[in-house]
Amino acid sequence: MKHNEFSKSDGNITVVILAAGRASRMGREKLLLMLGEKPVIRHVVQSVRGAGLSDIVVVTNPRNEDLIRQVLDDQNIRIVCNPSYEQGLASSIAAGVAAVSSDAIALLLVQGDQPFVNAEMLRFLVADWRKDKADYVAASYDTVTTTPVLFGRPLFDEMAALEGDVGARSVLRNHNGRVIPFPAWHGIDLDTEDDYRRVLEVWQSTTNALSPGQKGSI
């Protein structure tokens, strides 16, 4: 098996990228904000593809669907529009679960506004889960457990039944899994203009530290 390609004989994994948030605190479409030469959502999708994961679902809302299709038109992904996005995050998770491939043995849940979640992190999570196929394997930053999270198929029904503006933490509490700590800056997300300024600062400092050939791998 190549270092950047997971064998299908090990079972397919569908990646669900959540991109249907209301962005009410930002006041503009945060996933289309530029980071370097690409919008945030494109960085996230390319990190997933760089991890050797090719079955990718992006969950959008009716307001941003067309724009996200435009910036991802060459990425060979599936886009699912969640018309119930205003009911909260759980509705987008449910929409993603409904779109998981029938042969998938696991779902990797990724947030579209975490541009520093890179391919190396995703490969590590998948490889760790494949050791014994735990109920889940989740990332953590400064002891906060959050996305990305890899869920085994036995948890899909519970995820699909989530309601309200909540994530999947209740699912994690109900099951035995593992948490993998990563440096805190990898978990930075985008909710406000201050967050965006911080992301730009981190991006600048990390890209300056890399050689030209490495700058697409953050």
N, C-alpha and C. Protein backbone atom coordinates (compact mmCIF):
# COMPACT_ATOMS: atom_id res chain seq x y z
N MET A 1 0.84 -1.21 0.00
CA MET A 1 0.00 0.00 0.00
C MET A 1 0.87 1.25 0.00
N LYS A 2 0.63 2.16 -0.89
CA LYS A 2 1.37 3.41 -0.95
C LYS A 2 1.09 4.24 0.30
N HIS A 3 2.03 5.09 0.65
CA HIS A 3 1.89 5.86 1.88
C HIS A 3 0.70 6.81 1.84
N ASN A 4 0.24 7.19 0.64
CA ASN A 4 -0.86 8.15 0.53
C ASN A 4 -2.12 7.52 -0.03
N GLU A 5 -2.24 6.19 0.10
CA GLU A 5 -3.40 5.55 -0.47
C GLU A 5 -3.83 4.40 0.42
N PHE A 6 -5.08 4.41 0.89
CA PHE A 6 -5.58 3.35 1.74
C PHE A 6 -6.19 2.25 0.86
N SER A 7 -5.83 1.01 1.15
CA SER A 7 -6.32 -0.11 0.38
C SER A 7 -7.81 -0.28 0.56
N LYS A 8 -8.54 -0.41 -0.57
CA LYS A 8 -9.98 -0.64 -0.49
C LYS A 8 -10.30 -1.98 0.15
N SER A 9 -9.32 -2.92 0.12
CA SER A 9 -9.56 -4.21 0.75
C SER A 9 -9.72 -4.07 2.25
N ASP A 10 -9.23 -2.96 2.80
CA ASP A 10 -9.39 -2.70 4.23
C ASP A 10 -10.76 -2.11 4.54
N GLY A 11 -11.55 -1.80 3.52
CA GLY A 11 -12.86 -1.22 3.71
C GLY A 11 -12.88 0.26 3.38
N ASN A 12 -13.91 0.69 2.70
CA ASN A 12 -14.03 2.08 2.28
C ASN A 12 -14.41 2.99 3.46
N ILE A 13 -13.87 4.19 3.45
CA ILE A 13 -14.22 5.21 4.44
C ILE A 13 -14.76 6.42 3.69
N THR A 14 -15.97 6.84 4.05
CA THR A 14 -16.54 8.06 3.48
C THR A 14 -16.19 9.24 4.38
N VAL A 15 -15.71 10.30 3.77
CA VAL A 15 -15.42 11.54 4.50
C VAL A 15 -16.59 12.49 4.32
N VAL A 16 -17.12 13.00 5.43
CA VAL A 16 -18.19 13.99 5.39
C VAL A 16 -17.63 15.32 5.89
N ILE A 17 -17.62 16.30 5.01
CA ILE A 17 -17.13 17.64 5.36
C ILE A 17 -18.33 18.54 5.58
N LEU A 18 -18.43 19.09 6.77
CA LEU A 18 -19.57 19.95 7.11
C LEU A 18 -19.31 21.37 6.64
N ALA A 19 -20.16 21.84 5.72
CA ALA A 19 -20.00 23.17 5.14
C ALA A 19 -21.33 23.90 5.05
N ALA A 20 -22.26 23.57 5.95
CA ALA A 20 -23.61 24.13 5.86
C ALA A 20 -23.93 25.11 6.98
N GLY A 21 -22.91 25.53 7.72
CA GLY A 21 -23.16 26.45 8.83
C GLY A 21 -23.72 27.79 8.37
N ARG A 22 -24.40 28.48 9.28
CA ARG A 22 -25.02 29.76 8.95
C ARG A 22 -24.04 30.91 8.89
N ALA A 23 -22.85 30.74 9.49
CA ALA A 23 -21.83 31.79 9.52
C ALA A 23 -22.38 33.10 10.07
N SER A 24 -23.30 33.00 11.04
CA SER A 24 -23.95 34.20 11.57
C SER A 24 -22.99 35.10 12.33
N ARG A 25 -22.02 34.52 13.01
CA ARG A 25 -21.07 35.34 13.77
C ARG A 25 -20.03 36.00 12.86
N MET A 26 -19.74 35.37 11.73
CA MET A 26 -18.79 35.95 10.78
C MET A 26 -19.46 37.04 9.95
N GLY A 27 -20.71 36.82 9.57
CA GLY A 27 -21.41 37.81 8.77
C GLY A 27 -21.15 37.70 7.29
N ARG A 28 -20.38 36.74 6.86
CA ARG A 28 -20.13 36.46 5.45
C ARG A 28 -19.75 34.99 5.33
N GLU A 29 -19.69 34.51 4.10
CA GLU A 29 -19.44 33.08 3.89
C GLU A 29 -17.99 32.74 4.23
N LYS A 30 -17.79 32.20 5.41
CA LYS A 30 -16.43 31.99 5.93
C LYS A 30 -15.64 30.95 5.15
N LEU A 31 -16.30 29.95 4.57
CA LEU A 31 -15.57 28.90 3.88
C LEU A 31 -14.99 29.36 2.56
N LEU A 32 -15.42 30.53 2.09
CA LEU A 32 -14.88 31.08 0.84
C LEU A 32 -13.82 32.14 1.10
N LEU A 33 -13.51 32.40 2.36
CA LEU A 33 -12.44 33.34 2.68
C LEU A 33 -11.12 32.79 2.17
N MET A 34 -10.27 33.66 1.69
CA MET A 34 -9.02 33.23 1.09
C MET A 34 -7.95 32.97 2.14
N LEU A 35 -7.21 31.91 1.91
CA LEU A 35 -6.06 31.57 2.73
C LEU A 35 -4.95 31.23 1.76
N GLY A 36 -3.97 32.13 1.66
CA GLY A 36 -3.02 32.01 0.57
C GLY A 36 -3.76 32.26 -0.74
N GLU A 37 -3.62 31.34 -1.67
CA GLU A 37 -4.23 31.51 -2.99
C GLU A 37 -5.52 30.73 -3.16
N LYS A 38 -6.03 30.11 -2.09
CA LYS A 38 -7.21 29.26 -2.20
C LYS A 38 -8.20 29.57 -1.08
N PRO A 39 -9.50 29.36 -1.33
CA PRO A 39 -10.48 29.51 -0.26
C PRO A 39 -10.33 28.40 0.78
N VAL A 40 -10.79 28.68 1.98
CA VAL A 40 -10.64 27.75 3.10
C VAL A 40 -11.17 26.36 2.77
N ILE A 41 -12.36 26.27 2.19
CA ILE A 41 -12.96 24.96 1.93
C ILE A 41 -12.12 24.15 0.96
N ARG A 42 -11.45 24.79 0.05
CA ARG A 42 -10.60 24.04 -0.90
C ARG A 42 -9.38 23.47 -0.19
N HIS A 43 -8.82 24.22 0.76
CA HIS A 43 -7.72 23.69 1.56
C HIS A 43 -8.15 22.41 2.28
N VAL A 44 -9.35 22.44 2.86
CA VAL A 44 -9.83 21.30 3.63
C VAL A 44 -10.02 20.08 2.73
N VAL A 45 -10.67 20.28 1.59
CA VAL A 45 -10.90 19.17 0.66
C VAL A 45 -9.58 18.60 0.16
N GLN A 46 -8.63 19.45 -0.15
CA GLN A 46 -7.36 18.96 -0.67
C GLN A 46 -6.55 18.23 0.40
N SER A 47 -6.71 18.61 1.66
CA SER A 47 -6.07 17.85 2.73
C SER A 47 -6.65 16.45 2.82
N VAL A 48 -7.96 16.36 2.67
CA VAL A 48 -8.61 15.04 2.70
C VAL A 48 -8.12 14.18 1.54
N ARG A 49 -8.08 14.74 0.36
CA ARG A 49 -7.59 14.00 -0.80
C ARG A 49 -6.11 13.63 -0.63
N GLY A 50 -5.35 14.52 -0.04
CA GLY A 50 -3.94 14.24 0.20
C GLY A 50 -3.70 13.10 1.17
N ALA A 51 -4.72 12.81 1.99
CA ALA A 51 -4.63 11.70 2.92
C ALA A 51 -4.97 10.36 2.27
N GLY A 52 -5.25 10.37 0.97
CA GLY A 52 -5.59 9.14 0.27
C GLY A 52 -7.03 8.75 0.40
N LEU A 53 -7.89 9.68 0.78
CA LEU A 53 -9.32 9.42 0.95
C LEU A 53 -10.06 10.06 -0.21
N SER A 54 -10.76 9.25 -0.98
CA SER A 54 -11.35 9.75 -2.23
C SER A 54 -12.87 9.78 -2.23
N ASP A 55 -13.52 9.14 -1.25
CA ASP A 55 -14.98 9.15 -1.18
C ASP A 55 -15.39 10.30 -0.27
N ILE A 56 -15.67 11.45 -0.87
CA ILE A 56 -15.83 12.69 -0.11
C ILE A 56 -17.20 13.30 -0.36
N VAL A 57 -17.89 13.61 0.72
CA VAL A 57 -19.19 14.28 0.67
C VAL A 57 -19.05 15.63 1.36
N VAL A 58 -19.48 16.69 0.69
CA VAL A 58 -19.50 18.03 1.29
C VAL A 58 -20.95 18.42 1.49
N VAL A 59 -21.32 18.70 2.73
CA VAL A 59 -22.69 19.08 3.06
C VAL A 59 -22.78 20.61 3.08
N THR A 60 -23.60 21.15 2.19
CA THR A 60 -23.75 22.60 2.06
C THR A 60 -25.16 23.01 2.48
N ASN A 61 -25.45 24.29 2.35
CA ASN A 61 -26.81 24.79 2.56
C ASN A 61 -27.28 25.47 1.27
N PRO A 62 -28.56 25.80 1.15
CA PRO A 62 -29.05 26.40 -0.10
C PRO A 62 -28.40 27.74 -0.44
N ARG A 63 -27.88 28.43 0.55
CA ARG A 63 -27.28 29.74 0.29
C ARG A 63 -25.88 29.64 -0.31
N ASN A 64 -25.11 28.64 0.14
CA ASN A 64 -23.72 28.58 -0.33
C ASN A 64 -23.44 27.44 -1.30
N GLU A 65 -24.45 26.65 -1.61
CA GLU A 65 -24.23 25.46 -2.45
C GLU A 65 -23.57 25.80 -3.78
N ASP A 66 -24.13 26.75 -4.51
CA ASP A 66 -23.60 27.07 -5.84
C ASP A 66 -22.17 27.60 -5.77
N LEU A 67 -21.89 28.45 -4.78
CA LEU A 67 -20.55 29.01 -4.64
C LEU A 67 -19.53 27.94 -4.31
N ILE A 68 -19.90 27.02 -3.43
CA ILE A 68 -18.97 25.95 -3.06
C ILE A 68 -18.77 25.00 -4.23
N ARG A 69 -19.82 24.73 -4.99
CA ARG A 69 -19.66 23.91 -6.20
C ARG A 69 -18.63 24.54 -7.14
N GLN A 70 -18.67 25.85 -7.27
CA GLN A 70 -17.76 26.53 -8.18
C GLN A 70 -16.30 26.36 -7.77
N VAL A 71 -16.02 26.50 -6.47
CA VAL A 71 -14.61 26.44 -6.04
C VAL A 71 -14.11 25.01 -5.91
N LEU A 72 -15.03 24.04 -5.96
CA LEU A 72 -14.64 22.63 -5.84
C LEU A 72 -14.98 21.82 -7.08
N ASP A 73 -15.22 22.51 -8.20
CA ASP A 73 -15.75 21.82 -9.38
C ASP A 73 -14.80 20.80 -9.97
N ASP A 74 -13.52 20.86 -9.64
CA ASP A 74 -12.55 19.92 -10.20
C ASP A 74 -12.07 18.89 -9.18
N GLN A 75 -12.75 18.79 -8.04
CA GLN A 75 -12.24 17.96 -6.95
C GLN A 75 -12.87 16.57 -6.86
N ASN A 76 -13.77 16.23 -7.76
CA ASN A 76 -14.37 14.89 -7.79
C ASN A 76 -14.98 14.50 -6.44
N ILE A 77 -15.87 15.35 -5.97
CA ILE A 77 -16.55 15.11 -4.71
C ILE A 77 -18.05 15.06 -4.94
N ARG A 78 -18.77 14.64 -3.93
CA ARG A 78 -20.23 14.69 -3.95
C ARG A 78 -20.69 15.83 -3.04
N ILE A 79 -21.60 16.65 -3.53
CA ILE A 79 -22.15 17.73 -2.72
C ILE A 79 -23.59 17.42 -2.39
N VAL A 80 -23.91 17.50 -1.10
CA VAL A 80 -25.26 17.26 -0.62
C VAL A 80 -25.75 18.55 0.03
N CYS A 81 -26.88 19.06 -0.43
CA CYS A 81 -27.43 20.29 0.14
C CYS A 81 -28.40 19.94 1.27
N ASN A 82 -28.21 20.57 2.42
CA ASN A 82 -29.08 20.35 3.57
C ASN A 82 -30.09 21.49 3.66
N PRO A 83 -31.32 21.29 3.23
CA PRO A 83 -32.32 22.36 3.28
C PRO A 83 -32.75 22.69 4.70
N SER A 84 -32.43 21.82 5.65
CA SER A 84 -32.83 22.03 7.04
C SER A 84 -31.69 22.58 7.89
N TYR A 85 -30.70 23.21 7.25
CA TYR A 85 -29.50 23.63 7.96
C TYR A 85 -29.79 24.58 9.12
N GLU A 86 -30.88 25.36 9.03
CA GLU A 86 -31.19 26.31 10.09
C GLU A 86 -31.64 25.61 11.38
N GLN A 87 -31.92 24.32 11.29
CA GLN A 87 -32.28 23.56 12.49
C GLN A 87 -31.06 23.20 13.32
N GLY A 88 -29.87 23.43 12.76
CA GLY A 88 -28.66 23.22 13.54
C GLY A 88 -27.72 22.17 12.96
N LEU A 89 -26.59 22.05 13.63
CA LEU A 89 -25.51 21.19 13.16
C LEU A 89 -25.94 19.74 12.99
N ALA A 90 -26.79 19.27 13.90
CA ALA A 90 -27.20 17.86 13.85
C ALA A 90 -27.84 17.51 12.51
N SER A 91 -28.58 18.44 11.93
CA SER A 91 -29.24 18.15 10.65
C SER A 91 -28.22 17.95 9.54
N SER A 92 -27.10 18.64 9.61
CA SER A 92 -26.05 18.47 8.60
C SER A 92 -25.32 17.15 8.80
N ILE A 93 -25.11 16.78 10.05
CA ILE A 93 -24.50 15.47 10.31
C ILE A 93 -25.40 14.37 9.77
N ALA A 94 -26.71 14.49 10.02
CA ALA A 94 -27.66 13.50 9.51
C ALA A 94 -27.65 13.44 7.99
N ALA A 95 -27.57 14.60 7.34
CA ALA A 95 -27.51 14.62 5.88
C ALA A 95 -26.25 13.93 5.36
N GLY A 96 -25.16 14.13 6.07
CA GLY A 96 -23.91 13.48 5.70
C GLY A 96 -23.99 11.97 5.87
N VAL A 97 -24.55 11.53 6.99
CA VAL A 97 -24.69 10.09 7.24
C VAL A 97 -25.54 9.45 6.16
N ALA A 98 -26.61 10.14 5.76
CA ALA A 98 -27.50 9.60 4.72
C ALA A 98 -26.79 9.44 3.38
N ALA A 99 -25.72 10.19 3.17
CA ALA A 99 -25.01 10.14 1.89
C ALA A 99 -23.81 9.21 1.91
N VAL A 100 -23.55 8.57 3.04
CA VAL A 100 -22.40 7.67 3.14
C VAL A 100 -22.57 6.51 2.18
N SER A 101 -21.50 6.13 1.54
CA SER A 101 -21.54 5.02 0.58
C SER A 101 -21.98 3.73 1.27
N SER A 102 -22.70 2.91 0.54
CA SER A 102 -23.26 1.68 1.13
C SER A 102 -22.18 0.70 1.57
N ASP A 103 -21.00 0.80 0.96
CA ASP A 103 -19.93 -0.12 1.32
C ASP A 103 -18.97 0.46 2.36
N ALA A 104 -19.28 1.64 2.88
CA ALA A 104 -18.38 2.28 3.84
C ALA A 104 -18.43 1.57 5.19
N ILE A 105 -17.26 1.34 5.76
CA ILE A 105 -17.19 0.74 7.10
C ILE A 105 -17.00 1.81 8.17
N ALA A 106 -16.76 3.04 7.74
CA ALA A 106 -16.56 4.14 8.69
C ALA A 106 -16.83 5.47 8.01
N LEU A 107 -17.04 6.48 8.84
CA LEU A 107 -17.28 7.85 8.39
C LEU A 107 -16.28 8.75 9.11
N LEU A 108 -15.58 9.56 8.35
CA LEU A 108 -14.66 10.53 8.93
C LEU A 108 -15.32 11.90 8.85
N LEU A 109 -15.66 12.45 10.01
CA LEU A 109 -16.36 13.75 10.07
C LEU A 109 -15.34 14.87 10.20
N VAL A 110 -15.41 15.81 9.26
CA VAL A 110 -14.45 16.92 9.18
C VAL A 110 -15.23 18.22 9.10
N GLN A 111 -14.75 19.25 9.79
CA GLN A 111 -15.37 20.57 9.70
C GLN A 111 -14.75 21.36 8.56
N GLY A 112 -15.58 22.02 7.79
CA GLY A 112 -15.08 22.79 6.66
C GLY A 112 -14.34 24.05 7.03
N ASP A 113 -14.40 24.43 8.32
CA ASP A 113 -13.74 25.68 8.73
C ASP A 113 -12.51 25.45 9.61
N GLN A 114 -11.89 24.28 9.46
CA GLN A 114 -10.64 23.99 10.18
C GLN A 114 -9.52 23.79 9.15
N PRO A 115 -8.96 24.87 8.62
CA PRO A 115 -8.02 24.75 7.51
C PRO A 115 -6.67 24.15 7.87
N PHE A 116 -6.36 24.03 9.17
CA PHE A 116 -5.07 23.48 9.57
C PHE A 116 -5.12 22.00 9.94
N VAL A 117 -6.27 21.38 9.72
CA VAL A 117 -6.34 19.92 9.80
C VAL A 117 -5.75 19.39 8.50
N ASN A 118 -4.58 18.79 8.59
CA ASN A 118 -3.88 18.42 7.37
C ASN A 118 -3.94 16.93 7.07
N ALA A 119 -3.37 16.56 5.93
CA ALA A 119 -3.43 15.17 5.47
C ALA A 119 -2.74 14.22 6.44
N GLU A 120 -1.63 14.65 7.01
CA GLU A 120 -0.91 13.79 7.95
C GLU A 120 -1.77 13.43 9.16
N MET A 121 -2.50 14.40 9.70
CA MET A 121 -3.39 14.14 10.82
C MET A 121 -4.46 13.13 10.45
N LEU A 122 -5.06 13.31 9.28
CA LEU A 122 -6.13 12.41 8.85
C LEU A 122 -5.61 11.00 8.63
N ARG A 123 -4.44 10.87 8.02
CA ARG A 123 -3.85 9.55 7.84
C ARG A 123 -3.61 8.88 9.18
N PHE A 124 -3.15 9.65 10.15
CA PHE A 124 -2.86 9.10 11.47
C PHE A 124 -4.14 8.59 12.14
N LEU A 125 -5.21 9.37 12.07
CA LEU A 125 -6.48 8.96 12.67
C LEU A 125 -7.00 7.68 12.03
N VAL A 126 -6.95 7.62 10.70
CA VAL A 126 -7.45 6.43 10.00
C VAL A 126 -6.61 5.21 10.34
N ALA A 127 -5.28 5.37 10.33
CA ALA A 127 -4.41 4.23 10.63
C ALA A 127 -4.63 3.74 12.06
N ASP A 128 -4.83 4.67 12.99
CA ASP A 128 -5.07 4.28 14.37
C ASP A 128 -6.39 3.52 14.50
N TRP A 129 -7.42 3.99 13.80
CA TRP A 129 -8.73 3.32 13.87
C TRP A 129 -8.66 1.92 13.27
N ARG A 130 -7.90 1.76 12.20
CA ARG A 130 -7.84 0.47 11.54
C ARG A 130 -7.16 -0.61 12.38
N LYS A 131 -6.44 -0.23 13.42
CA LYS A 131 -5.77 -1.22 14.26
C LYS A 131 -6.76 -2.20 14.86
N ASP A 132 -7.88 -1.69 15.37
CA ASP A 132 -8.85 -2.57 16.02
C ASP A 132 -10.29 -2.15 15.77
N LYS A 133 -10.47 -1.13 14.90
CA LYS A 133 -11.80 -0.62 14.55
C LYS A 133 -12.61 -0.28 15.81
N ALA A 134 -12.03 0.59 16.61
CA ALA A 134 -12.71 1.10 17.81
C ALA A 134 -14.01 1.80 17.41
N ASP A 135 -14.88 2.06 18.39
CA ASP A 135 -16.13 2.76 18.09
C ASP A 135 -15.84 4.08 17.39
N TYR A 136 -14.84 4.79 17.87
CA TYR A 136 -14.45 6.06 17.23
C TYR A 136 -13.00 6.38 17.57
N VAL A 137 -12.41 7.23 16.78
CA VAL A 137 -11.12 7.84 17.08
C VAL A 137 -11.27 9.33 16.79
N ALA A 138 -11.00 10.16 17.79
CA ALA A 138 -11.23 11.60 17.67
C ALA A 138 -9.96 12.39 17.92
N ALA A 139 -9.91 13.58 17.34
CA ALA A 139 -8.81 14.50 17.60
C ALA A 139 -9.10 15.32 18.86
N SER A 140 -8.05 15.80 19.50
CA SER A 140 -8.23 16.74 20.60
C SER A 140 -7.14 17.80 20.53
N TYR A 141 -7.47 18.98 21.05
CA TYR A 141 -6.56 20.12 21.08
C TYR A 141 -6.68 20.75 22.46
N ASP A 142 -5.59 20.78 23.21
CA ASP A 142 -5.63 21.31 24.57
C ASP A 142 -6.75 20.65 25.38
N THR A 143 -6.85 19.36 25.30
CA THR A 143 -7.81 18.51 26.03
C THR A 143 -9.26 18.64 25.54
N VAL A 144 -9.51 19.45 24.52
CA VAL A 144 -10.86 19.58 23.97
C VAL A 144 -11.01 18.58 22.82
N THR A 145 -11.93 17.65 22.97
CA THR A 145 -12.16 16.63 21.94
C THR A 145 -13.14 17.16 20.90
N THR A 146 -12.72 17.10 19.64
CA THR A 146 -13.56 17.65 18.58
C THR A 146 -13.14 17.04 17.24
N THR A 147 -13.59 17.63 16.16
CA THR A 147 -13.28 17.11 14.83
C THR A 147 -11.81 17.34 14.47
N PRO A 148 -11.32 16.48 13.56
CA PRO A 148 -12.00 15.37 12.90
C PRO A 148 -12.21 14.18 13.83
N VAL A 149 -13.28 13.44 13.54
CA VAL A 149 -13.61 12.23 14.28
C VAL A 149 -13.96 11.13 13.28
N LEU A 150 -13.41 9.95 13.50
CA LEU A 150 -13.73 8.81 12.67
C LEU A 150 -14.69 7.90 13.44
N PHE A 151 -15.86 7.64 12.87
CA PHE A 151 -16.89 6.82 13.50
C PHE A 151 -17.05 5.52 12.73
N GLY A 152 -17.09 4.40 13.45
CA GLY A 152 -17.38 3.13 12.82
C GLY A 152 -18.85 3.03 12.43
N ARG A 153 -19.15 2.18 11.46
CA ARG A 153 -20.52 2.05 10.96
C ARG A 153 -21.56 1.76 12.05
N PRO A 154 -21.25 1.00 13.11
CA PRO A 154 -22.28 0.74 14.13
C PRO A 154 -22.84 2.01 14.78
N LEU A 155 -22.16 3.15 14.63
CA LEU A 155 -22.63 4.40 15.24
C LEU A 155 -23.45 5.26 14.28
N PHE A 156 -23.58 4.84 13.03
CA PHE A 156 -24.23 5.69 12.03
C PHE A 156 -25.68 6.02 12.40
N ASP A 157 -26.44 5.02 12.85
CA ASP A 157 -27.84 5.27 13.18
C ASP A 157 -27.97 6.29 14.30
N GLU A 158 -27.12 6.21 15.28
CA GLU A 158 -27.16 7.16 16.40
C GLU A 158 -26.81 8.57 15.92
N MET A 159 -25.87 8.67 15.01
CA MET A 159 -25.52 9.97 14.46
C MET A 159 -26.67 10.55 13.64
N ALA A 160 -27.34 9.72 12.89
CA ALA A 160 -28.45 10.18 12.06
C ALA A 160 -29.63 10.66 12.89
N ALA A 161 -29.70 10.20 14.14
CA ALA A 161 -30.83 10.56 15.00
C ALA A 161 -30.56 11.81 15.84
N LEU A 162 -29.40 12.42 15.71
CA LEU A 162 -29.09 13.63 16.47
C LEU A 162 -30.06 14.76 16.09
N GLU A 163 -30.33 15.62 17.06
CA GLU A 163 -31.24 16.74 16.82
C GLU A 163 -30.67 18.03 17.42
N GLY A 164 -31.05 19.15 16.81
CA GLY A 164 -30.70 20.46 17.36
C GLY A 164 -29.34 20.95 16.89
N ASP A 165 -28.90 22.02 17.52
CA ASP A 165 -27.64 22.66 17.14
C ASP A 165 -26.50 22.08 17.98
N VAL A 166 -26.34 20.78 17.88
CA VAL A 166 -25.29 20.09 18.64
C VAL A 166 -24.51 19.20 17.68
N GLY A 167 -23.27 18.97 18.05
CA GLY A 167 -22.45 18.06 17.27
C GLY A 167 -22.64 16.63 17.74
N ALA A 168 -21.60 15.85 17.57
CA ALA A 168 -21.70 14.42 17.88
C ALA A 168 -21.07 14.05 19.22
N ARG A 169 -20.88 15.05 20.10
CA ARG A 169 -20.24 14.73 21.39
C ARG A 169 -21.05 13.74 22.21
N SER A 170 -22.39 13.81 22.10
CA SER A 170 -23.22 12.86 22.85
C SER A 170 -22.96 11.43 22.38
N VAL A 171 -22.68 11.26 21.10
CA VAL A 171 -22.36 9.94 20.57
C VAL A 171 -21.04 9.46 21.17
N LEU A 172 -20.06 10.35 21.26
CA LEU A 172 -18.78 9.98 21.85
C LEU A 172 -18.94 9.56 23.30
N ARG A 173 -19.77 10.29 24.03
CA ARG A 173 -19.97 9.97 25.46
C ARG A 173 -20.59 8.59 25.65
N ASN A 174 -21.33 8.13 24.68
CA ASN A 174 -22.05 6.86 24.82
C ASN A 174 -21.22 5.64 24.43
N HIS A 175 -19.99 5.87 23.95
CA HIS A 175 -19.23 4.75 23.41
C HIS A 175 -17.76 4.84 23.82
N ASN A 176 -17.09 3.71 23.62
CA ASN A 176 -15.66 3.63 23.93
C ASN A 176 -14.85 3.87 22.67
N GLY A 177 -13.98 4.83 22.75
CA GLY A 177 -13.12 5.12 21.61
C GLY A 177 -11.78 5.65 22.11
N ARG A 178 -11.05 6.26 21.19
CA ARG A 178 -9.75 6.83 21.55
C ARG A 178 -9.68 8.29 21.12
N VAL A 179 -8.89 9.05 21.84
CA VAL A 179 -8.67 10.46 21.54
C VAL A 179 -7.19 10.66 21.26
N ILE A 180 -6.89 11.29 20.16
CA ILE A 180 -5.51 11.54 19.74
C ILE A 180 -5.21 13.02 19.87
N PRO A 181 -4.25 13.40 20.72
CA PRO A 181 -3.94 14.83 20.87
C PRO A 181 -3.08 15.36 19.72
N PHE A 182 -3.40 16.58 19.29
CA PHE A 182 -2.63 17.28 18.28
C PHE A 182 -2.31 18.68 18.79
N PRO A 183 -1.27 19.32 18.24
CA PRO A 183 -0.97 20.71 18.64
C PRO A 183 -2.20 21.60 18.46
N ALA A 184 -2.39 22.51 19.41
CA ALA A 184 -3.63 23.30 19.46
C ALA A 184 -3.89 24.08 18.18
N TRP A 185 -2.84 24.59 17.52
CA TRP A 185 -3.07 25.44 16.35
C TRP A 185 -3.71 24.68 15.20
N HIS A 186 -3.56 23.36 15.17
CA HIS A 186 -4.20 22.58 14.11
C HIS A 186 -5.73 22.61 14.22
N GLY A 187 -6.24 22.87 15.41
CA GLY A 187 -7.67 22.85 15.61
C GLY A 187 -8.36 24.20 15.48
N ILE A 188 -7.62 25.24 15.12
CA ILE A 188 -8.22 26.56 14.98
C ILE A 188 -9.34 26.53 13.95
N ASP A 189 -10.49 27.09 14.32
CA ASP A 189 -11.60 27.17 13.37
C ASP A 189 -12.00 28.62 13.16
N LEU A 190 -12.95 28.80 12.26
CA LEU A 190 -13.35 30.15 11.83
C LEU A 190 -14.79 30.42 12.23
N ASP A 191 -14.98 31.27 13.22
CA ASP A 191 -16.33 31.68 13.60
C ASP A 191 -16.51 33.19 13.51
N THR A 192 -15.42 33.95 13.73
CA THR A 192 -15.50 35.40 13.78
C THR A 192 -14.38 36.03 12.95
N GLU A 193 -14.48 37.34 12.76
CA GLU A 193 -13.42 38.05 12.05
C GLU A 193 -12.10 37.96 12.80
N ASP A 194 -12.14 37.95 14.14
CA ASP A 194 -10.91 37.78 14.92
C ASP A 194 -10.28 36.41 14.65
N ASP A 195 -11.12 35.39 14.51
CA ASP A 195 -10.61 34.06 14.17
C ASP A 195 -9.90 34.09 12.82
N TYR A 196 -10.49 34.79 11.87
CA TYR A 196 -9.88 34.85 10.54
C TYR A 196 -8.53 35.55 10.59
N ARG A 197 -8.43 36.62 11.36
CA ARG A 197 -7.15 37.30 11.49
C ARG A 197 -6.11 36.37 12.12
N ARG A 198 -6.53 35.60 13.10
CA ARG A 198 -5.61 34.66 13.73
C ARG A 198 -5.18 33.57 12.75
N VAL A 199 -6.13 33.07 11.97
CA VAL A 199 -5.80 32.06 10.97
C VAL A 199 -4.79 32.60 9.96
N LEU A 200 -4.98 33.83 9.52
CA LEU A 200 -4.04 34.43 8.57
C LEU A 200 -2.65 34.57 9.19
N GLU A 201 -2.59 34.92 10.47
CA GLU A 201 -1.30 35.05 11.15
C GLU A 201 -0.60 33.70 11.24
N VAL A 202 -1.36 32.67 11.63
CA VAL A 202 -0.77 31.33 11.74
C VAL A 202 -0.33 30.83 10.37
N TRP A 203 -1.17 31.06 9.37
CA TRP A 203 -0.83 30.65 8.01
C TRP A 203 0.48 31.29 7.57
N GLN A 204 0.59 32.58 7.81
CA GLN A 204 1.80 33.29 7.40
C GLN A 204 3.04 32.75 8.12
N SER A 205 2.92 32.52 9.41
CA SER A 205 4.08 32.05 10.17
C SER A 205 4.47 30.63 9.78
N THR A 206 3.49 29.78 9.51
CA THR A 206 3.82 28.39 9.16
C THR A 206 4.34 28.28 7.74
N THR A 207 3.76 29.02 6.81
CA THR A 207 4.24 28.93 5.43
C THR A 207 5.63 29.54 5.29
N ASN A 208 5.93 30.55 6.05
CA ASN A 208 7.26 31.14 6.02
C ASN A 208 8.31 30.15 6.50
N ALA A 209 7.91 29.21 7.35
CA ALA A 209 8.85 28.24 7.92
C ALA A 209 9.07 27.04 7.00
N LEU A 210 8.29 26.94 5.92
CA LEU A 210 8.37 25.79 5.04
C LEU A 210 9.12 26.13 3.76
N SER A 211 9.66 25.09 3.15
CA SER A 211 10.26 25.26 1.83
C SER A 211 9.14 25.39 0.80
N PRO A 212 9.42 25.93 -0.40
CA PRO A 212 8.37 26.10 -1.40
C PRO A 212 7.61 24.81 -1.71
N GLY A 213 8.30 23.68 -1.73
CA GLY A 213 7.65 22.42 -2.05
C GLY A 213 6.73 21.91 -0.98
N GLN A 214 6.86 22.42 0.24
CA GLN A 214 6.05 21.96 1.36
C GLN A 214 4.82 22.82 1.60
N LYS A 215 4.70 23.94 0.97
CA LYS A 215 3.70 24.92 1.36
C LYS A 215 2.28 24.50 1.06
N GLY A 216 2.08 23.51 0.24
CA GLY A 216 0.73 23.02 0.00
C GLY A 216 0.29 21.92 0.95
N SER A 217 1.15 21.59 1.93
CA SER A 217 0.88 20.42 2.77
C SER A 217 0.45 20.76 4.18
N ILE A 218 0.21 22.02 4.48
CA ILE A 218 -0.19 22.39 5.85
C ILE A 218 -1.54 21.82 6.18
